[in-house]
Amino acid sequence: MCASYGLGGGSGAPLPLDLPPMSDPANERLLAEWADARDGRAAITGARAVNLNPLIHAPQGERRIDLGWWWLWRDPSGPVKYSAFNSRDDKLLRSWKGPFQHRAILPATWYVEKKVRFSLPGDELFGIAALTSTVTLPDGTERLSYSMVTRDAVGEAAETWPRMPLVLPRELHDEWLDPERAGDAELVAEAQLASDGISRELSGS
């Protein structure tokens, strides 16, 4: 499982913004405010400390950045009772079939597993696959929630824990985010295969 990831080095360090549409002025301000408040660290959202985290999605076909609740909601009453902050890639067509039709990318430069921090060479920005669910609350506002997709660990990550985030190379981001692209067995296989190379580049410290 993965319960912590983030952007940049924290403590006011500049954020990498080379993943569209992060560098748009409004998004840059949103990300800077989030990073200042959270020290660049995304954490599972709790009922008492309602921290929301940035994600990239394209619900109408155009990429946008919004803040989401990290634990999937199925209805307006709140987060589902079962563990729904991570979703296994090998169960996307069973337990997660509905949310798999609404996908997102989590921008990150690192993730932590068992106190080991994993990153790409040069702290390069990467995207983690995610599923989303949007519900309408009783007051009429919408709540965007998400679950991080995980895969079998490979490379150095496998020495720490048997699972790791499903990191997607940039050439697959458009297809993953495409709202017209069905979440099916072909997309699962394509994402798993495409993820293998970049996942092996992640190293721990």
N, C-alpha and C. Protein backbone atom coordinates (compact mmCIF):
# COMPACT_ATOMS: atom_id res chain seq x y z
N MET A 1 0.84 -1.19 0.00
CA MET A 1 0.00 0.00 0.00
C MET A 1 0.88 1.23 0.00
N CYS A 2 0.34 2.36 -0.42
CA CYS A 2 1.07 3.62 -0.39
C CYS A 2 0.17 4.65 0.26
N ALA A 3 0.64 5.27 1.33
CA ALA A 3 -0.17 6.23 2.07
C ALA A 3 0.44 7.61 2.11
N SER A 4 1.51 7.83 1.35
CA SER A 4 2.14 9.15 1.32
C SER A 4 2.92 9.33 0.03
N TYR A 5 2.71 10.48 -0.60
CA TYR A 5 3.48 10.86 -1.78
C TYR A 5 3.47 12.37 -1.80
N GLY A 6 4.24 12.96 -2.71
CA GLY A 6 4.25 14.41 -2.71
C GLY A 6 4.97 15.03 -3.88
N LEU A 7 5.03 16.36 -3.83
CA LEU A 7 5.60 17.18 -4.89
C LEU A 7 6.72 18.04 -4.33
N GLY A 8 7.87 18.00 -4.97
CA GLY A 8 8.96 18.88 -4.59
C GLY A 8 9.63 18.48 -3.29
N GLY A 9 10.55 19.33 -2.88
CA GLY A 9 11.33 19.04 -1.69
C GLY A 9 10.77 19.60 -0.41
N GLY A 10 9.63 20.34 -0.50
CA GLY A 10 9.05 20.94 0.69
C GLY A 10 9.81 22.17 1.12
N SER A 11 9.36 22.78 2.22
CA SER A 11 10.02 23.95 2.82
C SER A 11 10.24 25.06 1.81
N GLY A 12 9.25 25.32 0.97
CA GLY A 12 9.32 26.44 0.04
C GLY A 12 10.13 26.20 -1.21
N ALA A 13 10.62 24.99 -1.42
CA ALA A 13 11.39 24.70 -2.63
C ALA A 13 10.48 24.83 -3.86
N PRO A 14 11.03 25.29 -5.00
CA PRO A 14 10.20 25.45 -6.21
C PRO A 14 9.57 24.13 -6.62
N LEU A 15 8.34 24.22 -7.09
CA LEU A 15 7.63 23.03 -7.54
C LEU A 15 7.92 22.77 -9.01
N PRO A 16 8.13 21.52 -9.40
CA PRO A 16 8.21 21.20 -10.83
C PRO A 16 6.81 21.33 -11.44
N LEU A 17 6.73 21.95 -12.60
CA LEU A 17 5.43 22.24 -13.20
C LEU A 17 5.35 21.81 -14.67
N ASP A 18 6.20 20.85 -15.06
CA ASP A 18 6.30 20.51 -16.48
C ASP A 18 5.34 19.42 -16.91
N LEU A 19 4.29 19.19 -16.15
CA LEU A 19 3.26 18.24 -16.55
C LEU A 19 1.97 19.03 -16.79
N PRO A 20 1.51 19.15 -18.03
CA PRO A 20 0.32 19.96 -18.32
C PRO A 20 -0.89 19.49 -17.52
N PRO A 21 -1.71 20.41 -17.00
CA PRO A 21 -1.66 21.87 -17.14
C PRO A 21 -1.12 22.55 -15.88
N MET A 22 -0.09 21.98 -15.25
CA MET A 22 0.39 22.50 -13.98
C MET A 22 0.95 23.91 -14.08
N SER A 23 1.52 24.26 -15.24
CA SER A 23 2.17 25.55 -15.37
C SER A 23 1.22 26.69 -15.72
N ASP A 24 -0.06 26.41 -15.96
CA ASP A 24 -1.02 27.49 -16.17
C ASP A 24 -1.06 28.35 -14.91
N PRO A 25 -1.11 29.68 -15.04
CA PRO A 25 -1.00 30.56 -13.87
C PRO A 25 -1.95 30.22 -12.73
N ALA A 26 -3.23 29.95 -13.03
CA ALA A 26 -4.19 29.64 -11.96
C ALA A 26 -3.82 28.33 -11.27
N ASN A 27 -3.39 27.35 -12.03
CA ASN A 27 -3.00 26.07 -11.45
C ASN A 27 -1.71 26.20 -10.65
N GLU A 28 -0.78 27.02 -11.16
CA GLU A 28 0.47 27.24 -10.43
C GLU A 28 0.19 27.84 -9.06
N ARG A 29 -0.75 28.79 -9.00
CA ARG A 29 -1.12 29.39 -7.70
C ARG A 29 -1.77 28.36 -6.79
N LEU A 30 -2.67 27.56 -7.36
CA LEU A 30 -3.35 26.52 -6.56
C LEU A 30 -2.34 25.54 -5.98
N LEU A 31 -1.40 25.09 -6.81
CA LEU A 31 -0.39 24.13 -6.35
C LEU A 31 0.54 24.74 -5.31
N ALA A 32 0.91 26.01 -5.51
CA ALA A 32 1.79 26.68 -4.55
C ALA A 32 1.10 26.82 -3.20
N GLU A 33 -0.18 27.18 -3.21
CA GLU A 33 -0.93 27.31 -1.95
C GLU A 33 -1.05 25.96 -1.25
N TRP A 34 -1.33 24.92 -2.05
CA TRP A 34 -1.41 23.57 -1.47
C TRP A 34 -0.07 23.15 -0.87
N ALA A 35 1.01 23.37 -1.62
CA ALA A 35 2.34 22.96 -1.15
C ALA A 35 2.74 23.72 0.11
N ASP A 36 2.40 25.01 0.17
CA ASP A 36 2.73 25.79 1.37
C ASP A 36 1.97 25.26 2.58
N ALA A 37 0.70 24.91 2.37
CA ALA A 37 -0.13 24.44 3.49
C ALA A 37 0.23 23.03 3.93
N ARG A 38 0.66 22.19 2.99
CA ARG A 38 0.90 20.78 3.27
C ARG A 38 2.37 20.39 3.20
N ASP A 39 3.26 21.38 3.00
CA ASP A 39 4.68 21.12 2.83
C ASP A 39 4.94 20.15 1.68
N GLY A 40 4.10 20.23 0.65
CA GLY A 40 4.28 19.40 -0.54
C GLY A 40 3.93 17.94 -0.35
N ARG A 41 3.26 17.59 0.74
CA ARG A 41 2.98 16.17 1.04
C ARG A 41 1.50 15.88 0.95
N ALA A 42 1.14 14.90 0.13
CA ALA A 42 -0.23 14.41 0.06
C ALA A 42 -0.41 13.31 1.09
N ALA A 43 -1.48 13.39 1.85
CA ALA A 43 -1.77 12.38 2.86
C ALA A 43 -3.22 11.94 2.71
N ILE A 44 -3.52 10.74 3.17
CA ILE A 44 -4.89 10.24 3.13
C ILE A 44 -5.79 11.23 3.86
N THR A 45 -6.92 11.55 3.25
CA THR A 45 -7.82 12.55 3.81
C THR A 45 -8.61 11.96 4.97
N GLY A 46 -8.68 12.73 6.06
CA GLY A 46 -9.42 12.28 7.23
C GLY A 46 -10.60 13.19 7.53
N ALA A 47 -11.56 12.68 8.27
CA ALA A 47 -12.77 13.44 8.57
C ALA A 47 -12.48 14.65 9.44
N ARG A 48 -11.46 14.57 10.28
CA ARG A 48 -11.15 15.69 11.17
C ARG A 48 -10.19 16.68 10.52
N ALA A 49 -9.17 16.18 9.83
CA ALA A 49 -8.24 17.05 9.10
C ALA A 49 -8.53 16.88 7.62
N VAL A 50 -9.38 17.75 7.10
CA VAL A 50 -9.86 17.57 5.73
C VAL A 50 -8.84 18.15 4.75
N ASN A 51 -7.76 17.42 4.56
CA ASN A 51 -6.76 17.81 3.57
C ASN A 51 -7.14 17.27 2.21
N LEU A 52 -7.16 18.13 1.20
CA LEU A 52 -7.45 17.73 -0.17
C LEU A 52 -6.17 17.85 -0.98
N ASN A 53 -6.00 16.99 -1.97
CA ASN A 53 -4.76 16.90 -2.72
C ASN A 53 -5.00 17.13 -4.22
N PRO A 54 -4.01 17.71 -4.93
CA PRO A 54 -4.20 18.01 -6.35
C PRO A 54 -4.16 16.77 -7.24
N LEU A 55 -5.00 16.76 -8.23
CA LEU A 55 -4.99 15.71 -9.24
C LEU A 55 -5.29 16.33 -10.60
N ILE A 56 -4.84 15.65 -11.64
CA ILE A 56 -5.10 16.06 -13.01
C ILE A 56 -6.14 15.12 -13.59
N HIS A 57 -7.21 15.67 -14.13
CA HIS A 57 -8.22 14.85 -14.80
C HIS A 57 -8.79 15.63 -15.97
N ALA A 58 -9.64 14.99 -16.75
CA ALA A 58 -10.19 15.63 -17.95
C ALA A 58 -11.64 15.22 -18.11
N PRO A 59 -12.51 15.61 -17.19
CA PRO A 59 -13.90 15.13 -17.24
C PRO A 59 -14.66 15.54 -18.49
N GLN A 60 -14.29 16.68 -19.09
CA GLN A 60 -14.93 17.10 -20.34
C GLN A 60 -13.95 17.04 -21.52
N GLY A 61 -12.84 16.34 -21.34
CA GLY A 61 -11.88 16.19 -22.42
C GLY A 61 -10.68 17.11 -22.34
N GLU A 62 -10.77 18.19 -21.55
CA GLU A 62 -9.65 19.12 -21.37
C GLU A 62 -9.04 18.89 -20.01
N ARG A 63 -7.72 18.79 -19.97
CA ARG A 63 -7.06 18.59 -18.68
C ARG A 63 -7.31 19.75 -17.73
N ARG A 64 -7.55 19.43 -16.47
CA ARG A 64 -7.69 20.44 -15.44
C ARG A 64 -7.14 19.90 -14.14
N ILE A 65 -6.84 20.80 -13.22
CA ILE A 65 -6.36 20.40 -11.89
C ILE A 65 -7.41 20.78 -10.87
N ASP A 66 -7.76 19.82 -10.03
CA ASP A 66 -8.68 20.05 -8.92
C ASP A 66 -8.11 19.39 -7.68
N LEU A 67 -8.69 19.75 -6.54
CA LEU A 67 -8.29 19.13 -5.28
C LEU A 67 -9.29 18.04 -4.94
N GLY A 68 -8.78 16.86 -4.58
CA GLY A 68 -9.64 15.72 -4.30
C GLY A 68 -9.39 15.11 -2.93
N TRP A 69 -10.39 14.43 -2.45
CA TRP A 69 -10.35 13.72 -1.16
C TRP A 69 -9.73 12.35 -1.41
N TRP A 70 -8.61 12.06 -0.73
CA TRP A 70 -7.91 10.80 -0.96
C TRP A 70 -8.53 9.68 -0.12
N TRP A 71 -9.61 9.15 -0.61
CA TRP A 71 -10.34 7.98 -0.10
C TRP A 71 -11.67 8.03 -0.83
N LEU A 72 -11.95 7.06 -1.63
CA LEU A 72 -13.07 7.12 -2.54
C LEU A 72 -14.42 7.23 -1.83
N TRP A 73 -15.29 8.09 -2.37
CA TRP A 73 -16.68 8.18 -1.94
C TRP A 73 -17.55 7.49 -2.99
N ARG A 74 -18.60 6.80 -2.55
CA ARG A 74 -19.58 6.21 -3.47
C ARG A 74 -20.91 6.96 -3.42
N ASP A 75 -21.18 7.65 -2.31
CA ASP A 75 -22.41 8.40 -2.16
C ASP A 75 -22.14 9.60 -1.25
N PRO A 76 -23.10 10.53 -1.13
CA PRO A 76 -22.85 11.76 -0.39
C PRO A 76 -22.66 11.60 1.12
N SER A 77 -22.91 10.42 1.66
CA SER A 77 -22.81 10.25 3.11
C SER A 77 -21.37 10.25 3.61
N GLY A 78 -20.42 10.03 2.73
CA GLY A 78 -19.02 10.07 3.16
C GLY A 78 -18.19 9.00 2.48
N PRO A 79 -16.91 8.91 2.87
CA PRO A 79 -16.03 7.89 2.29
C PRO A 79 -16.57 6.49 2.54
N VAL A 80 -16.33 5.58 1.61
CA VAL A 80 -16.78 4.21 1.80
C VAL A 80 -16.08 3.60 3.02
N LYS A 81 -16.71 2.61 3.63
CA LYS A 81 -16.21 2.05 4.89
C LYS A 81 -15.00 1.14 4.68
N TYR A 82 -14.92 0.50 3.51
CA TYR A 82 -13.77 -0.38 3.27
C TYR A 82 -12.57 0.45 2.82
N SER A 83 -11.39 -0.15 2.84
CA SER A 83 -10.18 0.56 2.44
C SER A 83 -10.26 0.96 0.97
N ALA A 84 -10.25 2.26 0.70
CA ALA A 84 -10.43 2.74 -0.67
C ALA A 84 -9.50 3.89 -0.99
N PHE A 85 -8.34 3.93 -0.35
CA PHE A 85 -7.36 4.94 -0.72
C PHE A 85 -6.40 4.39 -1.77
N ASN A 86 -6.26 3.06 -1.83
CA ASN A 86 -5.51 2.39 -2.88
C ASN A 86 -6.44 1.41 -3.60
N SER A 87 -6.21 1.19 -4.90
CA SER A 87 -6.98 0.21 -5.66
C SER A 87 -6.02 -0.61 -6.51
N ARG A 88 -6.11 -1.92 -6.41
CA ARG A 88 -5.20 -2.82 -7.11
C ARG A 88 -5.48 -2.84 -8.60
N ASP A 89 -4.41 -2.84 -9.40
CA ASP A 89 -4.58 -2.87 -10.85
C ASP A 89 -5.23 -4.16 -11.33
N ASP A 90 -5.03 -5.26 -10.60
CA ASP A 90 -5.60 -6.53 -11.03
C ASP A 90 -7.06 -6.70 -10.61
N LYS A 91 -7.63 -5.66 -9.98
CA LYS A 91 -9.04 -5.72 -9.59
C LYS A 91 -9.84 -4.56 -10.17
N LEU A 92 -9.25 -3.85 -11.13
CA LEU A 92 -9.93 -2.68 -11.68
C LEU A 92 -11.22 -3.03 -12.40
N LEU A 93 -11.32 -4.24 -12.93
CA LEU A 93 -12.52 -4.63 -13.66
C LEU A 93 -13.54 -5.33 -12.79
N ARG A 94 -13.22 -5.46 -11.49
CA ARG A 94 -14.16 -6.09 -10.56
C ARG A 94 -14.57 -5.07 -9.49
N SER A 95 -13.77 -4.93 -8.47
CA SER A 95 -14.11 -4.06 -7.36
C SER A 95 -14.20 -2.59 -7.75
N TRP A 96 -13.49 -2.18 -8.81
CA TRP A 96 -13.36 -0.76 -9.15
C TRP A 96 -13.89 -0.43 -10.54
N LYS A 97 -14.78 -1.24 -11.07
CA LYS A 97 -15.20 -1.07 -12.46
C LYS A 97 -15.83 0.30 -12.72
N GLY A 98 -16.67 0.78 -11.81
CA GLY A 98 -17.30 2.09 -11.98
C GLY A 98 -16.29 3.23 -11.96
N PRO A 99 -15.52 3.37 -10.87
CA PRO A 99 -14.52 4.44 -10.82
C PRO A 99 -13.46 4.34 -11.92
N PHE A 100 -13.21 3.13 -12.45
CA PHE A 100 -12.21 2.95 -13.50
C PHE A 100 -12.61 3.71 -14.77
N GLN A 101 -13.87 4.09 -14.89
CA GLN A 101 -14.31 4.86 -16.05
C GLN A 101 -14.05 6.36 -15.87
N HIS A 102 -13.55 6.75 -14.70
CA HIS A 102 -13.27 8.16 -14.40
C HIS A 102 -11.87 8.22 -13.80
N ARG A 103 -10.89 8.50 -14.65
CA ARG A 103 -9.49 8.34 -14.25
C ARG A 103 -8.77 9.68 -14.10
N ALA A 104 -7.69 9.64 -13.34
CA ALA A 104 -6.91 10.85 -13.08
C ALA A 104 -5.44 10.49 -12.98
N ILE A 105 -4.61 11.53 -12.96
CA ILE A 105 -3.18 11.42 -12.75
C ILE A 105 -2.82 12.21 -11.50
N LEU A 106 -2.03 11.61 -10.61
CA LEU A 106 -1.56 12.30 -9.41
C LEU A 106 -0.13 12.77 -9.67
N PRO A 107 0.10 14.08 -9.76
CA PRO A 107 1.47 14.56 -9.98
C PRO A 107 2.32 14.35 -8.74
N ALA A 108 3.53 13.83 -8.92
CA ALA A 108 4.38 13.52 -7.78
C ALA A 108 5.85 13.55 -8.18
N THR A 109 6.69 13.78 -7.20
CA THR A 109 8.14 13.61 -7.40
C THR A 109 8.69 12.54 -6.46
N TRP A 110 7.85 12.04 -5.56
CA TRP A 110 8.28 10.99 -4.64
C TRP A 110 7.07 10.29 -4.04
N TYR A 111 7.30 9.09 -3.54
CA TYR A 111 6.33 8.42 -2.68
C TYR A 111 7.10 7.66 -1.60
N VAL A 112 6.42 7.39 -0.50
CA VAL A 112 7.06 6.73 0.64
C VAL A 112 6.38 5.40 0.91
N GLU A 113 7.18 4.38 1.09
CA GLU A 113 6.70 3.05 1.48
C GLU A 113 7.61 2.52 2.57
N LYS A 114 7.03 2.19 3.73
CA LYS A 114 7.81 1.64 4.84
C LYS A 114 9.02 2.52 5.17
N LYS A 115 8.79 3.83 5.19
CA LYS A 115 9.79 4.84 5.53
C LYS A 115 10.90 4.99 4.49
N VAL A 116 10.77 4.33 3.33
CA VAL A 116 11.72 4.50 2.24
C VAL A 116 11.09 5.44 1.22
N ARG A 117 11.83 6.46 0.83
CA ARG A 117 11.35 7.47 -0.13
C ARG A 117 11.85 7.12 -1.53
N PHE A 118 10.92 6.91 -2.46
CA PHE A 118 11.27 6.54 -3.83
C PHE A 118 11.07 7.72 -4.77
N SER A 119 12.01 7.90 -5.68
CA SER A 119 11.93 8.98 -6.66
C SER A 119 12.67 8.58 -7.93
N LEU A 120 12.44 9.34 -9.00
CA LEU A 120 13.16 9.14 -10.25
C LEU A 120 14.49 9.88 -10.21
N PRO A 121 15.43 9.52 -11.05
CA PRO A 121 16.70 10.25 -11.11
C PRO A 121 16.46 11.74 -11.34
N GLY A 122 17.16 12.57 -10.58
CA GLY A 122 16.99 14.01 -10.71
C GLY A 122 15.69 14.53 -10.15
N ASP A 123 14.99 13.72 -9.35
CA ASP A 123 13.69 14.11 -8.78
C ASP A 123 12.71 14.56 -9.87
N GLU A 124 12.73 13.85 -10.98
CA GLU A 124 11.84 14.17 -12.10
C GLU A 124 10.38 13.99 -11.70
N LEU A 125 9.54 14.86 -12.22
CA LEU A 125 8.11 14.79 -11.98
C LEU A 125 7.52 13.58 -12.71
N PHE A 126 6.63 12.84 -12.04
CA PHE A 126 5.96 11.70 -12.68
C PHE A 126 4.48 11.70 -12.32
N GLY A 127 3.71 10.86 -13.01
CA GLY A 127 2.27 10.79 -12.78
C GLY A 127 1.86 9.40 -12.31
N ILE A 128 1.07 9.36 -11.24
CA ILE A 128 0.55 8.11 -10.68
C ILE A 128 -0.90 7.95 -11.12
N ALA A 129 -1.26 6.77 -11.57
CA ALA A 129 -2.63 6.50 -12.00
C ALA A 129 -3.58 6.55 -10.81
N ALA A 130 -4.77 7.10 -11.05
CA ALA A 130 -5.79 7.17 -10.01
C ALA A 130 -7.17 7.00 -10.63
N LEU A 131 -8.13 6.63 -9.79
CA LEU A 131 -9.55 6.53 -10.15
C LEU A 131 -10.30 7.59 -9.36
N THR A 132 -11.37 8.12 -9.92
CA THR A 132 -12.12 9.15 -9.20
C THR A 132 -13.61 8.82 -9.11
N SER A 133 -14.23 9.48 -8.16
CA SER A 133 -15.68 9.42 -8.01
C SER A 133 -16.13 10.79 -7.54
N THR A 134 -17.16 11.33 -8.17
CA THR A 134 -17.70 12.64 -7.79
C THR A 134 -19.14 12.46 -7.32
N VAL A 135 -19.43 13.00 -6.14
CA VAL A 135 -20.79 12.91 -5.59
C VAL A 135 -21.28 14.33 -5.27
N THR A 136 -22.58 14.49 -5.26
CA THR A 136 -23.18 15.78 -4.91
C THR A 136 -23.62 15.73 -3.45
N LEU A 137 -23.10 16.65 -2.65
CA LEU A 137 -23.41 16.71 -1.23
C LEU A 137 -24.80 17.32 -1.01
N PRO A 138 -25.37 17.14 0.19
CA PRO A 138 -26.71 17.67 0.46
C PRO A 138 -26.85 19.17 0.22
N ASP A 139 -25.73 19.93 0.37
CA ASP A 139 -25.81 21.38 0.15
C ASP A 139 -25.67 21.76 -1.31
N GLY A 140 -25.57 20.76 -2.19
CA GLY A 140 -25.50 21.01 -3.62
C GLY A 140 -24.10 21.10 -4.18
N THR A 141 -23.09 21.14 -3.32
CA THR A 141 -21.71 21.18 -3.81
C THR A 141 -21.25 19.78 -4.20
N GLU A 142 -20.24 19.73 -5.03
CA GLU A 142 -19.71 18.44 -5.47
C GLU A 142 -18.45 18.08 -4.71
N ARG A 143 -18.28 16.81 -4.41
CA ARG A 143 -17.08 16.30 -3.75
C ARG A 143 -16.37 15.35 -4.71
N LEU A 144 -15.14 15.71 -5.06
CA LEU A 144 -14.30 14.87 -5.90
C LEU A 144 -13.42 14.03 -4.99
N SER A 145 -13.45 12.72 -5.17
CA SER A 145 -12.62 11.83 -4.36
C SER A 145 -11.83 10.91 -5.29
N TYR A 146 -10.78 10.31 -4.75
CA TYR A 146 -9.95 9.46 -5.60
C TYR A 146 -9.30 8.33 -4.84
N SER A 147 -8.85 7.35 -5.60
CA SER A 147 -8.09 6.22 -5.08
C SER A 147 -6.86 6.05 -5.96
N MET A 148 -5.70 5.86 -5.34
CA MET A 148 -4.46 5.62 -6.08
C MET A 148 -4.42 4.17 -6.56
N VAL A 149 -4.05 3.98 -7.82
CA VAL A 149 -3.92 2.62 -8.36
C VAL A 149 -2.52 2.08 -8.03
N THR A 150 -2.46 0.83 -7.59
CA THR A 150 -1.19 0.19 -7.28
C THR A 150 -0.97 -1.04 -8.16
N ARG A 151 0.27 -1.46 -8.26
CA ARG A 151 0.67 -2.61 -9.07
C ARG A 151 1.67 -3.46 -8.29
N ASP A 152 2.01 -4.65 -8.83
CA ASP A 152 3.08 -5.45 -8.26
C ASP A 152 4.38 -4.64 -8.31
N ALA A 153 5.10 -4.64 -7.21
CA ALA A 153 6.34 -3.87 -7.16
C ALA A 153 7.41 -4.53 -8.02
N VAL A 154 8.23 -3.69 -8.65
CA VAL A 154 9.37 -4.15 -9.44
C VAL A 154 10.58 -3.30 -9.08
N GLY A 155 11.76 -3.73 -9.52
CA GLY A 155 12.97 -2.96 -9.25
C GLY A 155 13.25 -2.84 -7.76
N GLU A 156 13.83 -1.72 -7.37
CA GLU A 156 14.17 -1.50 -5.96
C GLU A 156 12.95 -1.53 -5.06
N ALA A 157 11.80 -1.08 -5.57
CA ALA A 157 10.60 -1.02 -4.75
C ALA A 157 10.21 -2.40 -4.22
N ALA A 158 10.48 -3.45 -5.00
CA ALA A 158 10.11 -4.81 -4.60
C ALA A 158 10.88 -5.28 -3.37
N GLU A 159 11.99 -4.64 -3.07
CA GLU A 159 12.77 -5.01 -1.90
C GLU A 159 12.16 -4.46 -0.61
N THR A 160 11.24 -3.50 -0.75
CA THR A 160 10.63 -2.86 0.42
C THR A 160 9.23 -3.36 0.70
N TRP A 161 8.42 -3.54 -0.37
CA TRP A 161 7.01 -3.91 -0.21
C TRP A 161 6.55 -4.55 -1.51
N PRO A 162 5.60 -5.50 -1.46
CA PRO A 162 5.18 -6.18 -2.69
C PRO A 162 4.32 -5.34 -3.64
N ARG A 163 3.83 -4.18 -3.21
CA ARG A 163 3.03 -3.32 -4.06
C ARG A 163 3.69 -1.95 -4.17
N MET A 164 3.35 -1.23 -5.24
CA MET A 164 3.85 0.12 -5.45
C MET A 164 2.83 0.90 -6.29
N PRO A 165 2.91 2.23 -6.33
CA PRO A 165 1.99 2.99 -7.18
C PRO A 165 2.16 2.61 -8.65
N LEU A 166 1.06 2.67 -9.40
CA LEU A 166 1.10 2.45 -10.84
C LEU A 166 1.52 3.77 -11.50
N VAL A 167 2.81 3.91 -11.74
CA VAL A 167 3.35 5.12 -12.35
C VAL A 167 3.26 4.96 -13.87
N LEU A 168 2.68 5.98 -14.52
CA LEU A 168 2.47 5.90 -15.96
C LEU A 168 3.43 6.83 -16.70
N PRO A 169 4.06 6.36 -17.78
CA PRO A 169 4.90 7.24 -18.59
C PRO A 169 4.02 8.28 -19.28
N ARG A 170 4.60 9.41 -19.61
CA ARG A 170 3.83 10.52 -20.15
C ARG A 170 3.11 10.19 -21.45
N GLU A 171 3.68 9.29 -22.24
CA GLU A 171 3.03 8.97 -23.51
C GLU A 171 1.69 8.25 -23.33
N LEU A 172 1.40 7.78 -22.12
CA LEU A 172 0.12 7.13 -21.88
C LEU A 172 -0.87 8.05 -21.16
N HIS A 173 -0.45 9.23 -20.73
CA HIS A 173 -1.32 10.09 -19.93
C HIS A 173 -2.59 10.49 -20.68
N ASP A 174 -2.47 10.87 -21.95
CA ASP A 174 -3.65 11.31 -22.69
C ASP A 174 -4.69 10.20 -22.79
N GLU A 175 -4.24 9.00 -23.06
CA GLU A 175 -5.19 7.88 -23.18
C GLU A 175 -5.81 7.56 -21.83
N TRP A 176 -5.01 7.58 -20.77
CA TRP A 176 -5.53 7.29 -19.42
C TRP A 176 -6.59 8.32 -19.03
N LEU A 177 -6.39 9.58 -19.39
CA LEU A 177 -7.30 10.65 -18.98
C LEU A 177 -8.50 10.81 -19.91
N ASP A 178 -8.45 10.22 -21.09
CA ASP A 178 -9.50 10.40 -22.09
C ASP A 178 -10.85 9.89 -21.57
N PRO A 179 -11.84 10.78 -21.37
CA PRO A 179 -13.13 10.32 -20.84
C PRO A 179 -13.90 9.44 -21.82
N GLU A 180 -13.50 9.45 -23.10
CA GLU A 180 -14.16 8.62 -24.09
C GLU A 180 -13.54 7.22 -24.17
N ARG A 181 -12.40 7.04 -23.52
CA ARG A 181 -11.70 5.75 -23.53
C ARG A 181 -12.27 4.88 -22.42
N ALA A 182 -12.84 3.74 -22.79
CA ALA A 182 -13.44 2.85 -21.80
C ALA A 182 -12.37 2.24 -20.91
N GLY A 183 -12.67 2.12 -19.64
CA GLY A 183 -11.81 1.39 -18.73
C GLY A 183 -12.08 -0.10 -18.90
N ASP A 184 -11.20 -0.80 -19.62
CA ASP A 184 -11.44 -2.20 -19.93
C ASP A 184 -10.15 -3.01 -19.76
N ALA A 185 -10.21 -4.27 -20.09
CA ALA A 185 -9.05 -5.15 -19.91
C ALA A 185 -7.87 -4.69 -20.76
N GLU A 186 -8.16 -4.16 -21.94
CA GLU A 186 -7.08 -3.69 -22.82
C GLU A 186 -6.34 -2.52 -22.19
N LEU A 187 -7.06 -1.60 -21.54
CA LEU A 187 -6.40 -0.46 -20.91
C LEU A 187 -5.61 -0.90 -19.69
N VAL A 188 -6.13 -1.86 -18.95
CA VAL A 188 -5.38 -2.40 -17.80
C VAL A 188 -4.05 -2.97 -18.28
N ALA A 189 -4.09 -3.81 -19.30
CA ALA A 189 -2.87 -4.45 -19.80
C ALA A 189 -1.90 -3.41 -20.36
N GLU A 190 -2.44 -2.42 -21.06
CA GLU A 190 -1.59 -1.38 -21.65
C GLU A 190 -0.89 -0.58 -20.55
N ALA A 191 -1.62 -0.22 -19.49
CA ALA A 191 -1.05 0.55 -18.39
C ALA A 191 0.00 -0.27 -17.64
N GLN A 192 -0.28 -1.53 -17.39
CA GLN A 192 0.68 -2.39 -16.69
C GLN A 192 1.99 -2.50 -17.46
N LEU A 193 1.88 -2.73 -18.76
CA LEU A 193 3.07 -2.88 -19.58
C LEU A 193 3.85 -1.57 -19.68
N ALA A 194 3.14 -0.47 -19.91
CA ALA A 194 3.80 0.83 -20.05
C ALA A 194 4.46 1.26 -18.76
N SER A 195 3.90 0.87 -17.62
CA SER A 195 4.42 1.28 -16.32
C SER A 195 5.73 0.61 -15.95
N ASP A 196 6.02 -0.53 -16.56
CA ASP A 196 7.14 -1.35 -16.10
C ASP A 196 8.48 -0.62 -16.16
N GLY A 197 8.76 0.03 -17.27
CA GLY A 197 10.06 0.68 -17.43
C GLY A 197 10.29 1.80 -16.45
N ILE A 198 9.34 2.73 -16.36
CA ILE A 198 9.50 3.87 -15.47
C ILE A 198 9.50 3.44 -14.00
N SER A 199 8.77 2.36 -13.70
CA SER A 199 8.73 1.87 -12.32
C SER A 199 10.10 1.35 -11.88
N ARG A 200 10.80 0.75 -12.80
CA ARG A 200 12.13 0.22 -12.48
C ARG A 200 13.18 1.34 -12.32
N GLU A 201 12.86 2.52 -12.80
CA GLU A 201 13.77 3.64 -12.64
C GLU A 201 13.69 4.28 -11.26
N LEU A 202 12.62 4.01 -10.53
CA LEU A 202 12.47 4.58 -9.20
C LEU A 202 13.46 3.95 -8.23
N SER A 203 14.11 4.77 -7.46
CA SER A 203 15.07 4.27 -6.48
C SER A 203 14.77 4.85 -5.11
N GLY A 204 15.13 4.09 -4.07
CA GLY A 204 14.82 4.49 -2.72
C GLY A 204 15.97 5.15 -2.00
N SER A 205 15.60 5.97 -1.02
CA SER A 205 16.62 6.64 -0.20
C SER A 205 16.10 6.80 1.23
